[in-house]
PDB file of N, CA and C in Angstrom:
ATOM      1  N   MET A   1       6.221   9.038 -15.761  1.00  0.00           N
ATOM      2  CA  MET A   1       7.115   8.729 -14.811  1.00  0.00           C
ATOM      3  C   MET A   1       7.217   7.320 -13.819  1.00  0.00           C
ATOM      4  N   SER A   2       8.295   6.694 -14.043  1.00  0.00           N
ATOM      5  CA  SER A   2       8.126   5.546 -13.343  1.00  0.00           C
ATOM      6  C   SER A   2       8.014   5.724 -11.632  1.00  0.00           C
ATOM      7  N   THR A   3       7.551   4.793 -10.876  1.00  0.00           N
ATOM      8  CA  THR A   3       7.614   4.687  -9.530  1.00  0.00           C
ATOM      9  C   THR A   3       8.802   5.076  -9.055  1.00  0.00           C
ATOM     10  N   GLN A   4       9.831   4.278  -9.368  1.00  0.00           N
ATOM     11  CA  GLN A   4      10.959   4.273  -8.865  1.00  0.00           C
ATOM     12  C   GLN A   4      11.815   5.650  -9.168  1.00  0.00           C
ATOM     13  N   THR A   5      11.495   6.354 -10.579  1.00  0.00           N
ATOM     14  CA  THR A   5      12.164   7.630 -10.761  1.00  0.00           C
ATOM     15  C   THR A   5      11.662   8.489  -9.817  1.00  0.00           C
ATOM     16  N   ALA A   6      10.155   8.434  -9.356  1.00  0.00           N
ATOM     17  CA  ALA A   6       9.328   9.371  -8.604  1.00  0.00           C
ATOM     18  C   ALA A   6       9.968   9.176  -7.319  1.00  0.00           C
ATOM     19  N   GLU A   7      10.591   8.039  -6.768  1.00  0.00           N
ATOM     20  CA  GLU A   7      10.746   7.907  -5.360  1.00  0.00           C
ATOM     21  C   GLU A   7      12.436   8.412  -5.469  1.00  0.00           C
ATOM     22  N   ASN A   8      13.033   8.453  -6.285  1.00  0.00           N
ATOM     23  CA  ASN A   8      14.184   8.776  -6.144  1.00  0.00           C
ATOM     24  C   ASN A   8      14.317  10.603  -6.168  1.00  0.00           C
ATOM     25  N   GLU A   9      13.204  10.947  -6.497  1.00  0.00           N
ATOM     26  CA  GLU A   9      13.239  12.786  -6.359  1.00  0.00           C
ATOM     27  C   GLU A   9      12.483  13.081  -5.144  1.00  0.00           C
ATOM     28  N   LEU A  10      12.137  12.063  -4.202  1.00  0.00           N
ATOM     29  CA  LEU A  10      11.669  12.765  -3.047  1.00  0.00           C
ATOM     30  C   LEU A  10      12.472  13.294  -2.012  1.00  0.00           C
ATOM     31  N   SER A  11      11.845  14.457  -1.180  1.00  0.00           N
ATOM     32  CA  SER A  11      12.501  14.900  -0.185  1.00  0.00           C
ATOM     33  C   SER A  11      12.819  13.918   1.133  1.00  0.00           C
ATOM     34  N   GLU A  12      13.393  14.271   1.944  1.00  0.00           N
ATOM     35  CA  GLU A  12      13.512  13.248   3.171  1.00  0.00           C
ATOM     36  C   GLU A  12      12.047  13.156   3.842  1.00  0.00           C
ATOM     37  N   ASP A  13      11.348  14.278   3.963  1.00  0.00           N
ATOM     38  CA  ASP A  13      10.037  14.381   4.455  1.00  0.00           C
ATOM     39  C   ASP A  13       9.129  13.455   3.542  1.00  0.00           C
ATOM     40  N   GLU A  14       9.099  13.746   2.255  1.00  0.00           N
ATOM     41  CA  GLU A  14       8.335  12.929   1.433  1.00  0.00           C
ATOM     42  C   GLU A  14       8.390  11.445   1.294  1.00  0.00           C
ATOM     43  N   TYR A  15       9.900  11.179   1.656  1.00  0.00           N
ATOM     44  CA  TYR A  15       9.995   9.684   1.849  1.00  0.00           C
ATOM     45  C   TYR A  15       9.545   9.126   3.286  1.00  0.00           C
ATOM     46  N   ARG A  16       9.648   9.951   4.211  1.00  0.00           N
ATOM     47  CA  ARG A  16       9.126   9.368   5.368  1.00  0.00           C
ATOM     48  C   ARG A  16       7.679   9.249   5.316  1.00  0.00           C
ATOM     49  N   GLY A  17       7.122  10.148   4.666  1.00  0.00           N
ATOM     50  CA  GLY A  17       5.519  10.027   4.625  1.00  0.00           C
ATOM     51  C   GLY A  17       5.227   8.913   3.564  1.00  0.00           C
ATOM     52  N   LEU A  18       5.816   8.731   2.500  1.00  0.00           N
ATOM     53  CA  LEU A  18       5.359   7.719   1.870  1.00  0.00           C
ATOM     54  C   LEU A  18       5.748   6.204   2.513  1.00  0.00           C
ATOM     55  N   GLU A  19       6.845   6.272   3.260  1.00  0.00           N
ATOM     56  CA  GLU A  19       7.079   4.996   4.346  1.00  0.00           C
ATOM     57  C   GLU A  19       5.995   4.746   5.210  1.00  0.00           C
ATOM     58  N   LEU A  20       5.435   5.591   5.779  1.00  0.00           N
ATOM     59  CA  LEU A  20       4.486   5.829   6.782  1.00  0.00           C
ATOM     60  C   LEU A  20       3.311   5.319   6.206  1.00  0.00           C
ATOM     61  N   ILE A  21       2.769   5.658   4.965  1.00  0.00           N
ATOM     62  CA  ILE A  21       1.542   5.401   4.245  1.00  0.00           C
ATOM     63  C   ILE A  21       1.693   3.596   3.741  1.00  0.00           C
ATOM     64  N   ARG A  22       2.906   3.263   3.314  1.00  0.00           N
ATOM     65  CA  ARG A  22       3.168   2.029   3.096  1.00  0.00           C
ATOM     66  C   ARG A  22       3.087   0.995   4.408  1.00  0.00           C
ATOM     67  N   GLU A  23       3.907   1.528   5.560  1.00  0.00           N
ATOM     68  CA  GLU A  23       3.645   0.449   6.772  1.00  0.00           C
ATOM     69  C   GLU A  23       2.242   0.570   7.171  1.00  0.00           C
ATOM     70  N   THR A  24       1.381   1.323   7.244  1.00  0.00           N
ATOM     71  CA  THR A  24       0.314   1.524   7.895  1.00  0.00           C
ATOM     72  C   THR A  24      -0.681   0.702   6.930  1.00  0.00           C
ATOM     73  N   SER A  25      -0.301   0.644   5.663  1.00  0.00           N
ATOM     74  CA  SER A  25      -1.179   0.275   4.331  1.00  0.00           C
ATOM     75  C   SER A  25      -2.314   1.266   4.161  1.00  0.00           C
ATOM     76  N   GLY A  26      -2.412   2.522   4.816  1.00  0.00           N
ATOM     77  CA  GLY A  26      -3.290   3.391   4.634  1.00  0.00           C
ATOM     78  C   GLY A  26      -3.555   4.236   5.910  1.00  0.00           C
ATOM     79  N   ILE A  27      -3.680   5.363   5.844  1.00  0.00           N
ATOM     80  CA  ILE A  27      -3.947   6.265   6.955  1.00  0.00           C
ATOM     81  C   ILE A  27      -4.741   7.587   6.977  1.00  0.00           C
ATOM     82  N   HIS A  28      -5.248   8.051   7.774  1.00  0.00           N
ATOM     83  CA  HIS A  28      -6.173   9.185   7.405  1.00  0.00           C
ATOM     84  C   HIS A  28      -5.089  10.450   7.519  1.00  0.00           C
ATOM     85  N   GLN A  29      -5.609  11.425   6.477  1.00  0.00           N
ATOM     86  CA  GLN A  29      -4.409  12.699   6.532  1.00  0.00           C
ATOM     87  C   GLN A  29      -4.455  13.442   7.780  1.00  0.00           C
ATOM     88  N   SER A  30      -5.761  13.310   8.500  1.00  0.00           N
ATOM     89  CA  SER A  30      -5.506  14.063   9.732  1.00  0.00           C
ATOM     90  C   SER A  30      -4.642  13.474  10.748  1.00  0.00           C
ATOM     91  N   SER A  31      -4.340  12.063  10.780  1.00  0.00           N
ATOM     92  CA  SER A  31      -3.317  11.409  11.587  1.00  0.00           C
ATOM     93  C   SER A  31      -2.019  11.163  10.962  1.00  0.00           C
ATOM     94  N   PHE A  32      -2.118  11.353   9.598  1.00  0.00           N
ATOM     95  CA  PHE A  32      -0.747  11.403   8.977  1.00  0.00           C
ATOM     96  C   PHE A  32       0.311  12.495   9.333  1.00  0.00           C
ATOM     97  N   TRP A  33      -0.028  13.727   9.530  1.00  0.00           N
ATOM     98  CA  TRP A  33       0.855  14.739   9.828  1.00  0.00           C
ATOM     99  C   TRP A  33       1.288  14.842  11.248  1.00  0.00           C
ATOM    100  N   LYS A  34       0.410  14.110  11.963  1.00  0.00           N
ATOM    101  CA  LYS A  34       0.557  14.145  13.794  1.00  0.00           C
ATOM    102  C   LYS A  34       1.739  12.906  13.770  1.00  0.00           C
ATOM    103  N   GLU A  35       1.731  11.851  12.997  1.00  0.00           N
ATOM    104  CA  GLU A  35       2.483  10.576  13.092  1.00  0.00           C
ATOM    105  C   GLU A  35       3.769  11.131  12.521  1.00  0.00           C
ATOM    106  N   LEU A  36       3.918  11.940  11.478  1.00  0.00           N
ATOM    107  CA  LEU A  36       5.251  12.504  10.824  1.00  0.00           C
ATOM    108  C   LEU A  36       5.818  13.461  11.739  1.00  0.00           C
ATOM    109  N   ASP A  37       5.146  14.125  12.724  1.00  0.00           N
ATOM    110  CA  ASP A  37       5.467  15.456  13.617  1.00  0.00           C
ATOM    111  C   ASP A  37       5.957  16.447  12.518  1.00  0.00           C
ATOM    112  N   VAL A  38       4.788  16.845  11.739  1.00  0.00           N
ATOM    113  CA  VAL A  38       5.237  18.056  11.046  1.00  0.00           C
ATOM    114  C   VAL A  38       3.558  18.769  11.065  1.00  0.00           C
ATOM    115  N   SER A  39       3.656  20.081  10.581  1.00  0.00           N
ATOM    116  CA  SER A  39       2.506  20.907  10.828  1.00  0.00           C
ATOM    117  C   SER A  39       1.395  20.312   9.812  1.00  0.00           C
ATOM    118  N   SER A  40       0.113  20.751  10.080  1.00  0.00           N
ATOM    119  CA  SER A  40      -0.914  20.060   9.044  1.00  0.00           C
ATOM    120  C   SER A  40      -0.527  20.689   7.502  1.00  0.00           C
ATOM    121  N   ARG A  41       0.048  21.935   7.658  1.00  0.00           N
ATOM    122  CA  ARG A  41       0.179  22.448   6.185  1.00  0.00           C
ATOM    123  C   ARG A  41       1.445  22.103   5.453  1.00  0.00           C
ATOM    124  N   LYS A  42       2.251  21.614   6.274  1.00  0.00           N
ATOM    125  CA  LYS A  42       3.523  20.729   5.677  1.00  0.00           C
ATOM    126  C   LYS A  42       3.224  19.373   5.298  1.00  0.00           C
ATOM    127  N   GLY A  43       2.223  18.888   6.409  1.00  0.00           N
ATOM    128  CA  GLY A  43       1.684  17.367   5.947  1.00  0.00           C
ATOM    129  C   GLY A  43       0.665  17.550   4.530  1.00  0.00           C
ATOM    130  N   SER A  44       0.079  18.630   4.362  1.00  0.00           N
ATOM    131  CA  SER A  44      -0.953  18.849   3.262  1.00  0.00           C
ATOM    132  C   SER A  44      -0.077  18.805   1.742  1.00  0.00           C
ATOM    133  N   ARG A  45       1.105  19.435   2.319  1.00  0.00           N
ATOM    134  CA  ARG A  45       2.278  19.797   0.845  1.00  0.00           C
ATOM    135  C   ARG A  45       2.746  18.409   0.559  1.00  0.00           C
ATOM    136  N   ILE A  46       3.234  17.573   1.407  1.00  0.00           N
ATOM    137  CA  ILE A  46       3.769  16.444   1.433  1.00  0.00           C
ATOM    138  C   ILE A  46       2.954  15.333   0.505  1.00  0.00           C
ATOM    139  N   VAL A  47       1.568  15.448   1.051  1.00  0.00           N
ATOM    140  CA  VAL A  47       0.483  14.542   0.459  1.00  0.00           C
ATOM    141  C   VAL A  47       0.202  15.051  -1.067  1.00  0.00           C
ATOM    142  N   GLU A  48       0.384  16.271  -1.181  1.00  0.00           N
ATOM    143  CA  GLU A  48      -0.066  16.815  -2.662  1.00  0.00           C
ATOM    144  C   GLU A  48       1.076  16.465  -3.476  1.00  0.00           C
ATOM    145  N   SER A  49       2.240  16.295  -3.179  1.00  0.00           N
ATOM    146  CA  SER A  49       3.631  15.855  -3.969  1.00  0.00           C
ATOM    147  C   SER A  49       3.432  14.586  -4.187  1.00  0.00           C
ATOM    148  N   LEU A  50       3.028  13.755  -3.154  1.00  0.00           N
ATOM    149  CA  LEU A  50       2.987  12.248  -3.351  1.00  0.00           C
ATOM    150  C   LEU A  50       1.892  11.805  -4.370  1.00  0.00           C
ATOM    151  N   VAL A  51       0.697  12.502  -4.197  1.00  0.00           N
ATOM    152  CA  VAL A  51      -0.379  12.038  -5.334  1.00  0.00           C
ATOM    153  C   VAL A  51       0.198  12.592  -6.720  1.00  0.00           C
ATOM    154  N   GLU A  52       0.571  13.793  -6.745  1.00  0.00           N
ATOM    155  CA  GLU A  52       1.054  14.387  -7.817  1.00  0.00           C
ATOM    156  C   GLU A  52       2.036  13.337  -8.763  1.00  0.00           C
ATOM    157  N   LYS A  53       2.805  12.847  -7.545  1.00  0.00           N
ATOM    158  CA  LYS A  53       3.930  11.697  -8.337  1.00  0.00           C
ATOM    159  C   LYS A  53       3.464  10.439  -8.401  1.00  0.00           C
ATOM    160  N   GLU A  54       2.014  10.364  -8.425  1.00  0.00           N
ATOM    161  CA  GLU A  54       1.239   8.981  -8.241  1.00  0.00           C
ATOM    162  C   GLU A  54       1.708   7.857  -7.425  1.00  0.00           C
ATOM    163  N   LEU A  55       2.258   8.207  -6.325  1.00  0.00           N
ATOM    164  CA  LEU A  55       2.856   7.371  -5.205  1.00  0.00           C
ATOM    165  C   LEU A  55       2.069   6.980  -4.350  1.00  0.00           C
ATOM    166  N   ILE A  56       0.784   7.602  -4.082  1.00  0.00           N
ATOM    167  CA  ILE A  56      -0.338   7.299  -3.038  1.00  0.00           C
ATOM    168  C   ILE A  56      -1.549   7.911  -3.748  1.00  0.00           C
ATOM    169  N   ASP A  57      -2.635   7.039  -3.237  1.00  0.00           N
ATOM    170  CA  ASP A  57      -3.971   7.599  -3.729  1.00  0.00           C
ATOM    171  C   ASP A  57      -4.723   8.273  -2.457  1.00  0.00           C
ATOM    172  N   ARG A  58      -5.424   9.188  -2.841  1.00  0.00           N
ATOM    173  CA  ARG A  58      -6.126  10.329  -1.676  1.00  0.00           C
ATOM    174  C   ARG A  58      -7.720  10.015  -2.063  1.00  0.00           C
ATOM    175  N   GLU A  59      -8.481   9.714  -1.087  1.00  0.00           N
ATOM    176  CA  GLU A  59      -9.798   9.505  -1.372  1.00  0.00           C
ATOM    177  C   GLU A  59     -10.558  10.450  -0.080  1.00  0.00           C
ATOM    178  N   GLU A  60     -11.547  11.116  -0.428  1.00  0.00           N
ATOM    179  CA  GLU A  60     -12.244  12.070   0.470  1.00  0.00           C
ATOM    180  C   GLU A  60     -12.910  10.912   1.560  1.00  0.00           C
ATOM    181  N   THR A  61     -12.870  11.285   2.751  1.00  0.00           N
ATOM    182  CA  THR A  61     -13.789  10.515   3.623  1.00  0.00           C
ATOM    183  C   THR A  61     -14.025  11.310   4.861  1.00  0.00           C
ATOM    184  N   VAL A  62     -14.613  10.629   6.130  1.00  0.00           N
ATOM    185  CA  VAL A  62     -15.083  11.401   7.061  1.00  0.00           C
ATOM    186  C   VAL A  62     -14.590  10.565   8.456  1.00  0.00           C
ATOM    187  N   HIS A  63     -13.783  11.171   9.260  1.00  0.00           N
ATOM    188  CA  HIS A  63     -13.048  10.335  10.308  1.00  0.00           C
ATOM    189  C   HIS A  63     -13.158  11.302  11.255  1.00  0.00           C
ATOM    190  N   ASP A  64     -13.850  10.712  12.591  1.00  0.00           N
ATOM    191  CA  ASP A  64     -14.169  11.129  13.848  1.00  0.00           C
ATOM    192  C   ASP A  64     -15.043  12.639  13.570  1.00  0.00           C
ATOM    193  N   GLY A  65     -15.954  12.388  12.640  1.00  0.00           N
ATOM    194  CA  GLY A  65     -16.716  13.486  12.450  1.00  0.00           C
ATOM    195  C   GLY A  65     -16.280  14.686  11.691  1.00  0.00           C
ATOM    196  N   HIS A  66     -15.171  14.508  11.273  1.00  0.00           N
ATOM    197  CA  HIS A  66     -14.211  15.649  10.382  1.00  0.00           C
ATOM    198  C   HIS A  66     -14.133  15.065   8.974  1.00  0.00           C
ATOM    199  N   ASN A  67     -14.276  16.079   8.119  1.00  0.00           N
ATOM    200  CA  ASN A  67     -13.853  15.611   6.678  1.00  0.00           C
ATOM    201  C   ASN A  67     -12.374  15.519   6.473  1.00  0.00           C
ATOM    202  N   THR A  68     -11.862  14.553   5.848  1.00  0.00           N
ATOM    203  CA  THR A  68     -10.525  14.433   5.670  1.00  0.00           C
ATOM    204  C   THR A  68     -10.128  13.554   4.456  1.00  0.00           C
ATOM    205  N   TYR A  69      -9.068  13.126   4.156  1.00  0.00           N
ATOM    206  CA  TYR A  69      -8.685  12.145   3.218  1.00  0.00           C
ATOM    207  C   TYR A  69      -8.301  11.150   3.648  1.00  0.00           C
ATOM    208  N   TYR A  70      -8.431   9.985   3.135  1.00  0.00           N
ATOM    209  CA  TYR A  70      -7.731   8.458   3.306  1.00  0.00           C
ATOM    210  C   TYR A  70      -6.617   8.418   2.339  1.00  0.00           C
ATOM    211  N   LEU A  71      -5.477   8.359   2.983  1.00  0.00           N
ATOM    212  CA  LEU A  71      -4.235   8.022   2.081  1.00  0.00           C
ATOM    213  C   LEU A  71      -3.798   6.540   2.048  1.00  0.00           C
ATOM    214  N   SER A  72      -3.673   6.106   0.882  1.00  0.00           N
ATOM    215  CA  SER A  72      -2.999   4.670   0.762  1.00  0.00           C
ATOM    216  C   SER A  72      -2.085   4.437  -0.491  1.00  0.00           C
ATOM    217  N   PRO A  73      -1.422   3.298  -0.253  1.00  0.00           N
ATOM    218  CA  PRO A  73      -0.475   3.089  -1.311  1.00  0.00           C
ATOM    219  C   PRO A  73      -1.131   2.947  -2.697  1.00  0.00           C
ATOM    220  N   THR A  74      -0.535   3.133  -3.853  1.00  0.00           N
ATOM    221  CA  THR A  74      -1.167   2.997  -5.152  1.00  0.00           C
ATOM    222  C   THR A  74      -1.197   1.663  -5.140  1.00  0.00           C
ATOM    223  N   ALA A  75      -2.141   0.956  -6.238  1.00  0.00           N
ATOM    224  CA  ALA A  75      -2.059  -0.250  -6.623  1.00  0.00           C
ATOM    225  C   ALA A  75      -0.698  -0.841  -7.179  1.00  0.00           C
ATOM    226  N   ALA A  76       0.081   0.175  -7.838  1.00  0.00           N
ATOM    227  CA  ALA A  76       1.259  -0.332  -8.413  1.00  0.00           C
ATOM    228  C   ALA A  76       2.311  -0.470  -7.628  1.00  0.00           C
ATOM    229  N   ASP A  77       2.186  -0.026  -6.112  1.00  0.00           N
ATOM    230  CA  ASP A  77       3.101  -0.225  -5.033  1.00  0.00           C
ATOM    231  C   ASP A  77       2.923  -1.471  -4.671  1.00  0.00           C
ATOM    232  N   LEU A  78       1.818  -2.578  -4.934  1.00  0.00           N
ATOM    233  CA  LEU A  78       1.779  -3.692  -4.136  1.00  0.00           C
ATOM    234  C   LEU A  78       2.237  -4.550  -4.664  1.00  0.00           C
ATOM    235  N   GLU A  79       2.978  -5.799  -4.062  1.00  0.00           N
ATOM    236  CA  GLU A  79       3.845  -6.727  -4.414  1.00  0.00           C
ATOM    237  C   GLU A  79       2.671  -7.971  -4.583  1.00  0.00           C
ATOM    238  N   PHE A  80       2.390  -8.072  -5.888  1.00  0.00           N
ATOM    239  CA  PHE A  80       1.304  -9.221  -6.110  1.00  0.00           C
ATOM    240  C   PHE A  80       2.164 -10.570  -6.169  1.00  0.00           C
ATOM    241  N   SER A  81       3.350 -10.434  -6.559  1.00  0.00           N
ATOM    242  CA  SER A  81       4.177 -11.633  -7.001  1.00  0.00           C
ATOM    243  C   SER A  81       4.224 -12.545  -5.730  1.00  0.00           C
ATOM    244  N   LEU A  82       4.141 -12.085  -4.613  1.00  0.00           N
ATOM    245  CA  LEU A  82       4.182 -12.949  -3.325  1.00  0.00           C
ATOM    246  C   LEU A  82       3.306 -13.904  -3.044  1.00  0.00           C
ATOM    247  N   LEU A  83       2.158 -13.498  -3.874  1.00  0.00           N
ATOM    248  CA  LEU A  83       0.651 -14.449  -3.858  1.00  0.00           C
ATOM    249  C   LEU A  83       0.880 -15.336  -4.814  1.00  0.00           C
ATOM    250  N   MET A  84       1.880 -15.346  -5.744  1.00  0.00           N
ATOM    251  CA  MET A  84       1.958 -16.594  -6.657  1.00  0.00           C
ATOM    252  C   MET A  84       2.731 -17.554  -6.601  1.00  0.00           C
ATOM    253  N   ALA A  85       2.323 -18.710  -7.279  1.00  0.00           N
ATOM    254  CA  ALA A  85       3.306 -19.940  -7.008  1.00  0.00           C
ATOM    255  C   ALA A  85       3.142 -20.520  -8.731  1.00  0.00           C
ATOM    256  N   GLY A  86       4.053 -19.837  -9.608  1.00  0.00           N
ATOM    257  CA  GLY A  86       4.144 -20.056 -10.831  1.00  0.00           C
ATOM    258  C   GLY A  86       2.982 -19.285 -11.347  1.00  0.00           C
ATOM    259  N   ASP A  87       1.902 -19.860 -12.135  1.00  0.00           N
ATOM    260  CA  ASP A  87       0.977 -18.842 -12.506  1.00  0.00           C
ATOM    261  C   ASP A  87      -0.185 -19.142 -11.694  1.00  0.00           C
ATOM    262  N   MET A  88      -0.217 -19.896 -10.486  1.00  0.00           N
ATOM    263  CA  MET A  88      -1.429 -20.018  -9.685  1.00  0.00           C
ATOM    264  C   MET A  88      -1.371 -18.821  -8.380  1.00  0.00           C
ATOM    265  N   LEU A  89      -2.581 -18.192  -8.379  1.00  0.00           N
ATOM    266  CA  LEU A  89      -2.827 -17.211  -7.333  1.00  0.00           C
ATOM    267  C   LEU A  89      -3.172 -17.924  -6.083  1.00  0.00           C
ATOM    268  N   SER A  90      -2.744 -17.350  -4.834  1.00  0.00           N
ATOM    269  CA  SER A  90      -2.765 -18.293  -3.652  1.00  0.00           C
ATOM    270  C   SER A  90      -4.320 -18.452  -3.343  1.00  0.00           C
ATOM    271  N   PRO A  91      -4.529 -19.591  -2.962  1.00  0.00           N
ATOM    272  CA  PRO A  91      -6.036 -19.695  -2.669  1.00  0.00           C
ATOM    273  C   PRO A  91      -6.687 -19.193  -1.404  1.00  0.00           C
ATOM    274  N   PHE A  92      -5.715 -18.478  -0.833  1.00  0.00           N
ATOM    275  CA  PHE A  92      -6.195 -17.510   0.346  1.00  0.00           C
ATOM    276  C   PHE A  92      -6.603 -16.239  -0.043  1.00  0.00           C
ATOM    277  N   VAL A  93      -6.512 -15.819  -1.283  1.00  0.00           N
ATOM    278  CA  VAL A  93      -7.193 -14.610  -1.994  1.00  0.00           C
ATOM    279  C   VAL A  93      -8.527 -14.968  -2.446  1.00  0.00           C
ATOM    280  N   GLY A  94      -9.500 -14.193  -1.576  1.00  0.00           N
ATOM    281  CA  GLY A  94     -10.808 -14.362  -1.956  1.00  0.00           C
ATOM    282  C   GLY A  94     -11.875 -14.561  -0.840  1.00  0.00           C
ATOM    283  N   ASP A  95     -12.919 -14.893  -0.993  1.00  0.00           N
ATOM    284  CA  ASP A  95     -13.756 -14.823   0.226  1.00  0.00           C
ATOM    285  C   ASP A  95     -14.213 -16.311   0.728  1.00  0.00           C
ATOM    286  N   GLU A  96     -14.003 -17.235  -0.047  1.00  0.00           N
ATOM    287  CA  GLU A  96     -14.119 -18.532   0.276  1.00  0.00           C
ATOM    288  C   GLU A  96     -13.176 -19.273   1.374  1.00  0.00           C
ATOM    289  N   GLU A  97     -13.545 -19.988   2.199  1.00  0.00           N
ATOM    290  CA  GLU A  97     -12.558 -20.596   3.218  1.00  0.00           C
ATOM    291  C   GLU A  97     -11.533 -21.720   2.408  1.00  0.00           C
ATOM    292  N   VAL A  98     -10.358 -21.782   2.699  1.00  0.00           N
ATOM    293  CA  VAL A  98      -9.754 -22.789   2.118  1.00  0.00           C
ATOM    294  C   VAL A  98      -9.371 -23.886   3.130  1.00  0.00           C
ATOM    295  N   ASP A  99      -9.527 -24.954   2.553  1.00  0.00           N
ATOM    296  CA  ASP A  99      -9.010 -26.312   3.182  1.00  0.00           C
ATOM    297  C   ASP A  99      -7.645 -26.655   3.131  1.00  0.00           C
ATOM    298  N   ALA A 100      -6.943 -26.581   4.326  1.00  0.00           N
ATOM    299  CA  ALA A 100      -5.493 -26.695   4.185  1.00  0.00           C
ATOM    300  C   ALA A 100      -5.165 -28.169   3.952  1.00  0.00           C
ATOM    301  N   GLN A 101      -6.043 -28.835   3.938  1.00  0.00           N
ATOM    302  CA  GLN A 101      -5.714 -30.525   3.507  1.00  0.00           C
ATOM    303  C   GLN A 101      -6.397 -30.640   2.068  1.00  0.00           C
ATOM    304  N   GLY A 102      -6.842 -29.459   1.484  1.00  0.00           N
ATOM    305  CA  GLY A 102      -7.372 -29.755   0.037  1.00  0.00           C
ATOM    306  C   GLY A 102      -6.418 -29.756  -1.022  1.00  0.00           C
ATOM    307  N   ASP A 103      -7.238 -30.060  -2.240  1.00  0.00           N
ATOM    308  CA  ASP A 103      -6.283 -30.188  -3.332  1.00  0.00           C
ATOM    309  C   ASP A 103      -5.722 -28.618  -3.998  1.00  0.00           C
ATOM    310  N   THR A 104      -6.477 -27.999  -3.869  1.00  0.00           N
ATOM    311  CA  THR A 104      -6.162 -26.404  -4.311  1.00  0.00           C
ATOM    312  C   THR A 104      -4.878 -25.906  -3.762  1.00  0.00           C
ATOM    313  N   PHE A 105      -5.084 -25.995  -2.232  1.00  0.00           N
ATOM    314  CA  PHE A 105      -4.033 -25.636  -1.305  1.00  0.00           C
ATOM    315  C   PHE A 105      -2.642 -26.424  -1.703  1.00  0.00           C
ATOM    316  N   SER A 106      -2.768 -27.694  -1.948  1.00  0.00           N
ATOM    317  CA  SER A 106      -1.579 -28.541  -1.924  1.00  0.00           C
ATOM    318  C   SER A 106      -1.166 -28.501  -3.272  1.00  0.00           C
ATOM    319  N   GLN A 107      -1.895 -28.129  -4.440  1.00  0.00           N
ATOM    320  CA  GLN A 107      -1.287 -27.958  -5.609  1.00  0.00           C
ATOM    321  C   GLN A 107      -0.547 -26.403  -5.706  1.00  0.00           C
ATOM    322  N   TRP A 108      -1.011 -25.403  -5.021  1.00  0.00           N
ATOM    323  CA  TRP A 108      -0.292 -24.249  -4.903  1.00  0.00           C
ATOM    324  C   TRP A 108       0.888 -24.248  -4.137  1.00  0.00           C
ATOM    325  N   VAL A 109       0.830 -24.949  -3.115  1.00  0.00           N
ATOM    326  CA  VAL A 109       2.214 -25.361  -2.273  1.00  0.00           C
ATOM    327  C   VAL A 109       3.261 -26.170  -3.239  1.00  0.00           C
ATOM    328  N   MET A 110       2.749 -27.112  -3.993  1.00  0.00           N
ATOM    329  CA  MET A 110       3.662 -27.875  -4.740  1.00  0.00           C
ATOM    330  C   MET A 110       4.289 -26.532  -6.062  1.00  0.00           C
ATOM    331  N   ASN A 111       3.649 -25.985  -6.368  1.00  0.00           N
ATOM    332  CA  ASN A 111       4.191 -25.083  -7.345  1.00  0.00           C
ATOM    333  C   ASN A 111       5.076 -23.912  -6.870  1.00  0.00           C
ATOM    334  N   LEU A 112       5.061 -23.895  -5.337  1.00  0.00           N
ATOM    335  CA  LEU A 112       6.057 -23.043  -4.673  1.00  0.00           C
ATOM    336  C   LEU A 112       7.451 -23.813  -4.603  1.00  0.00           C
ATOM    337  N   ALA A 113       7.168 -25.181  -4.339  1.00  0.00           N
ATOM    338  CA  ALA A 113       8.413 -25.866  -4.309  1.00  0.00           C
ATOM    339  C   ALA A 113       9.018 -25.752  -5.413  1.00  0.00           C
ATOM    340  N   TYR A 114       8.451 -26.094  -6.762  1.00  0.00           N
ATOM    341  CA  TYR A 114       8.943 -26.245  -7.953  1.00  0.00           C
ATOM    342  C   TYR A 114       9.498 -25.004  -8.685  1.00  0.00           C
ATOM    343  N   GLU A 115       9.243 -23.667  -7.916  1.00  0.00           N
ATOM    344  CA  GLU A 115       9.905 -22.415  -8.350  1.00  0.00           C
ATOM    345  C   GLU A 115      11.204 -22.405  -7.897  1.00  0.00           C
ATOM    346  N   GLU A 116      11.724 -23.079  -6.970  1.00  0.00           N
ATOM    347  CA  GLU A 116      12.965 -22.892  -6.461  1.00  0.00           C
ATOM    348  C   GLU A 116      13.921 -23.683  -7.109  1.00  0.00           C
TER     349      GLU A 116
END
């Protein structure tokens, strides 16, 4: 099932939950249902549905001394094209420090200009 098809089949609460996870770039399930203002049981059902439809990832974790899950958008949900200029990935992706006056950054900016 495609991501778009799965999204079209969401209930209003599921859609609100998905948007919350996307806006926060990830949230603990123990906070998720509180932010949505739903019961923990209903929050768990929403999460189950979103995981089943492969719209979010759920990973076991400990938060504030309690076992819970960390909910995050799936990698398919991320928009990598915003980091691209032609076939060049943004030099700001990675661990090394980027020189704003350097050739790598200049080439990337030039490729942005040529895309328009």
